């Protein structure tokens, strides 16, 4: 083998090895137990998504950003909030046309609410924007008969 080809091959192997070493396996997602949940209305949310898409905003093209928007947070929440867990599972996994997003807030800074769980079922439209097809929510309370569980019941 010529020295130039050997050098290029060695460089390729080194880059591939370094790249593989830097990839961390994904941590398993532990969806908390949800005893009961509320089904939330979608009309206003999907109208807001459609309006943003028509205005050329980028977030309606990303299902995680759509869910964070509905949750009341922006993309910075992924970096800034250690109390927030976000899990997306597309169907199919490669080039999804639909999927499910779960956002869990733990240890909320609220007198009554200890956390919030929201699940979004979504579908991708032909224009590559996402719409929410079903939106579920549950709250975990600090005290009361359902303390510690995610339920549809309001916190006392």
Foldseek 3Di string as FASTA:
>chain_A
DDPVVVVVVVVVVVVVVVVVVPDDDDDDDDDADAPAKDWDDFPVLQVVLVVCVVVVHDQQLDPQQSVCVVVVHGPCCVVPPPQKDKDWCAVVNPPGQKTKIWIKGACDPDPWFGIKIKMFTWGADPVNGIGTPIIIMFTATCDDPRHPHTYHDDTD
